[in-house]
């Protein structure tokens, strides 16, 4: 099960601060957050911030979340949402969304 992003849309032109929202499975959170990163076209990290659920992460079921990233560059980028604390021996699940920074 993967997180889904409500905003921004795939390929959206975005400005700083970038507000990210959506829904993530309860097991994506660890201690009430999971990482959200913004990568440039070369894969270098531009910004990072935790996504926080709108309700307690310990409640069962998917949770709506919000995150805010601040950046000062322009051009193509990728928004990466990543499961925090995957089960032992597994790579963290990710959702990647291309965006254009303005």
C-alpha atoms as a PDB file:
ATOM      1  CA  UNK A   1       0.000   0.000   0.000  1.00  0.00           C
ATOM      2  CA  UNK A   2       1.399   3.390  -1.053  1.00  0.00           C
ATOM      3  CA  UNK A   3       0.789   6.970  -0.046  1.00  0.00           C
ATOM      4  CA  UNK A   4      -1.284   9.111  -2.387  1.00  0.00           C
ATOM      5  CA  UNK A   5      -0.706  12.812  -2.952  1.00  0.00           C
ATOM      6  CA  UNK A   6      -3.595  15.279  -3.321  1.00  0.00           C
ATOM      7  CA  UNK A   7      -1.359  18.286  -3.921  1.00  0.00           C
ATOM      8  CA  UNK A   8       0.773  18.997  -5.840  1.00  0.00           C
ATOM      9  CA  UNK A   9      -0.388  17.288  -9.023  1.00  0.00           C
ATOM     10  CA  UNK A  10       1.983  15.304 -11.222  1.00  0.00           C
ATOM     11  CA  UNK A  11       3.962  17.813 -13.339  1.00  0.00           C
ATOM     12  CA  UNK A  12       2.650  20.863 -11.432  1.00  0.00           C
ATOM     13  CA  UNK A  13       4.516  24.162 -11.423  1.00  0.00           C
ATOM     14  CA  UNK A  14       5.116  24.949  -7.762  1.00  0.00           C
ATOM     15  CA  UNK A  15       6.445  27.835  -5.681  1.00  0.00           C
ATOM     16  CA  UNK A  16       8.082  27.989  -2.267  1.00  0.00           C
ATOM     17  CA  UNK A  17       6.869  27.106   0.250  1.00  0.00           C
ATOM     18  CA  UNK A  18       5.559  23.910  -1.340  1.00  0.00           C
ATOM     19  CA  UNK A  19       2.595  22.511   0.559  1.00  0.00           C
ATOM     20  CA  UNK A  20       2.193  18.750   0.189  1.00  0.00           C
ATOM     21  CA  UNK A  21      -0.916  16.877   1.280  1.00  0.00           C
ATOM     22  CA  UNK A  22      -2.403  13.459   0.792  1.00  0.00           C
ATOM     23  CA  UNK A  23      -3.125  10.152   2.514  1.00  0.00           C
ATOM     24  CA  UNK A  24      -0.606   7.569   3.745  1.00  0.00           C
ATOM     25  CA  UNK A  25      -1.035   4.127   5.319  1.00  0.00           C
ATOM     26  CA  UNK A  26      -0.582   4.051   9.104  1.00  0.00           C
ATOM     27  CA  UNK A  27       2.568   1.922   8.761  1.00  0.00           C
ATOM     28  CA  UNK A  28       4.346   4.675   6.777  1.00  0.00           C
ATOM     29  CA  UNK A  29       4.609   6.777   9.965  1.00  0.00           C
ATOM     30  CA  UNK A  30       7.144   6.395  12.737  1.00  0.00           C
ATOM     31  CA  UNK A  31       6.811   8.630  15.770  1.00  0.00           C
ATOM     32  CA  UNK A  32       4.140  10.691  14.040  1.00  0.00           C
ATOM     33  CA  UNK A  33       6.001  11.457  10.790  1.00  0.00           C
ATOM     34  CA  UNK A  34       7.584  10.203   7.569  1.00  0.00           C
ATOM     35  CA  UNK A  35      10.175  11.937   5.353  1.00  0.00           C
ATOM     36  CA  UNK A  36       9.365  14.087   2.330  1.00  0.00           C
ATOM     37  CA  UNK A  37      12.199  15.283   0.116  1.00  0.00           C
ATOM     38  CA  UNK A  38      12.585  17.450  -2.956  1.00  0.00           C
ATOM     39  CA  UNK A  39      15.322  16.378  -5.400  1.00  0.00           C
ATOM     40  CA  UNK A  40      16.748  18.350  -8.317  1.00  0.00           C
ATOM     41  CA  UNK A  41      17.141  16.911 -11.834  1.00  0.00           C
ATOM     42  CA  UNK A  42      20.474  15.319 -10.801  1.00  0.00           C
ATOM     43  CA  UNK A  43      19.011  13.640  -7.714  1.00  0.00           C
ATOM     44  CA  UNK A  44      20.568  16.056  -5.207  1.00  0.00           C
ATOM     45  CA  UNK A  45      18.405  16.977  -2.231  1.00  0.00           C
ATOM     46  CA  UNK A  46      17.037  20.531  -2.397  1.00  0.00           C
ATOM     47  CA  UNK A  47      14.757  20.401   0.643  1.00  0.00           C
ATOM     48  CA  UNK A  48      13.417  17.957   3.217  1.00  0.00           C
ATOM     49  CA  UNK A  49      10.670  18.058   5.826  1.00  0.00           C
ATOM     50  CA  UNK A  50       8.589  15.596   7.816  1.00  0.00           C
ATOM     51  CA  UNK A  51       5.013  14.826   6.838  1.00  0.00           C
ATOM     52  CA  UNK A  52       2.717  14.776   9.858  1.00  0.00           C
ATOM     53  CA  UNK A  53      -0.685  13.102  10.060  1.00  0.00           C
ATOM     54  CA  UNK A  54      -3.718  15.217  10.875  1.00  0.00           C
ATOM     55  CA  UNK A  55      -4.707  12.678  13.564  1.00  0.00           C
ATOM     56  CA  UNK A  56      -2.668  10.340  15.767  1.00  0.00           C
ATOM     57  CA  UNK A  57      -0.443   7.999  13.771  1.00  0.00           C
ATOM     58  CA  UNK A  58      -1.273   5.211  16.241  1.00  0.00           C
ATOM     59  CA  UNK A  59      -4.927   5.119  15.183  1.00  0.00           C
ATOM     60  CA  UNK A  60      -5.602   2.291  12.690  1.00  0.00           C
ATOM     61  CA  UNK A  61      -6.099   2.983   9.008  1.00  0.00           C
ATOM     62  CA  UNK A  62      -4.770   5.504   6.483  1.00  0.00           C
ATOM     63  CA  UNK A  63      -4.091   9.055   7.665  1.00  0.00           C
ATOM     64  CA  UNK A  64      -4.313  12.391   5.892  1.00  0.00           C
ATOM     65  CA  UNK A  65      -0.973  14.222   6.097  1.00  0.00           C
ATOM     66  CA  UNK A  66       0.600  17.614   5.442  1.00  0.00           C
ATOM     67  CA  UNK A  67       4.194  18.714   4.825  1.00  0.00           C
ATOM     68  CA  UNK A  68       5.816  22.012   3.870  1.00  0.00           C
ATOM     69  CA  UNK A  69       9.087  22.336   1.958  1.00  0.00           C
ATOM     70  CA  UNK A  70      10.994  25.574   1.350  1.00  0.00           C
ATOM     71  CA  UNK A  71      13.343  25.922  -1.630  1.00  0.00           C
ATOM     72  CA  UNK A  72      15.159  28.646  -3.555  1.00  0.00           C
ATOM     73  CA  UNK A  73      16.011  26.953  -6.860  1.00  0.00           C
ATOM     74  CA  UNK A  74      14.139  26.628 -10.155  1.00  0.00           C
ATOM     75  CA  UNK A  75      13.692  23.930 -12.727  1.00  0.00           C
ATOM     76  CA  UNK A  76      12.593  20.305 -12.899  1.00  0.00           C
ATOM     77  CA  UNK A  77      12.494  18.379  -9.625  1.00  0.00           C
ATOM     78  CA  UNK A  78      11.050  15.268  -8.009  1.00  0.00           C
ATOM     79  CA  UNK A  79       8.994  15.174  -4.846  1.00  0.00           C
ATOM     80  CA  UNK A  80       9.745  11.970  -2.902  1.00  0.00           C
ATOM     81  CA  UNK A  81       7.570  10.604  -0.105  1.00  0.00           C
ATOM     82  CA  UNK A  82       9.174   7.718   1.754  1.00  0.00           C
ATOM     83  CA  UNK A  83       7.928   5.189   4.250  1.00  0.00           C
ATOM     84  CA  UNK A  84       9.647   5.620   7.607  1.00  0.00           C
ATOM     85  CA  UNK A  85      10.959   2.465   9.345  1.00  0.00           C
ATOM     86  CA  UNK A  86      10.137  -0.235   6.747  1.00  0.00           C
ATOM     87  CA  UNK A  87       9.941  -3.837   7.930  1.00  0.00           C
ATOM     88  CA  UNK A  88      13.319  -5.481   8.479  1.00  0.00           C
ATOM     89  CA  UNK A  89      15.161  -6.371   5.287  1.00  0.00           C
ATOM     90  CA  UNK A  90      12.893  -4.287   3.024  1.00  0.00           C
ATOM     91  CA  UNK A  91      13.630  -1.084   1.182  1.00  0.00           C
ATOM     92  CA  UNK A  92      11.319   1.794   2.131  1.00  0.00           C
ATOM     93  CA  UNK A  93       8.358   2.231  -0.191  1.00  0.00           C
ATOM     94  CA  UNK A  94       8.394   5.514  -2.108  1.00  0.00           C
ATOM     95  CA  UNK A  95       6.100   7.700  -4.128  1.00  0.00           C
ATOM     96  CA  UNK A  96       7.785  10.017  -6.659  1.00  0.00           C
ATOM     97  CA  UNK A  97       6.075  12.972  -8.294  1.00  0.00           C
ATOM     98  CA  UNK A  98       7.719  15.153 -10.951  1.00  0.00           C
ATOM     99  CA  UNK A  99       7.234  18.890 -10.447  1.00  0.00           C
ATOM    100  CA  UNK A 100       8.669  22.138 -11.843  1.00  0.00           C
ATOM    101  CA  UNK A 101      10.071  24.628  -9.327  1.00  0.00           C
ATOM    102  CA  UNK A 102       9.333  28.287 -10.053  1.00  0.00           C
END
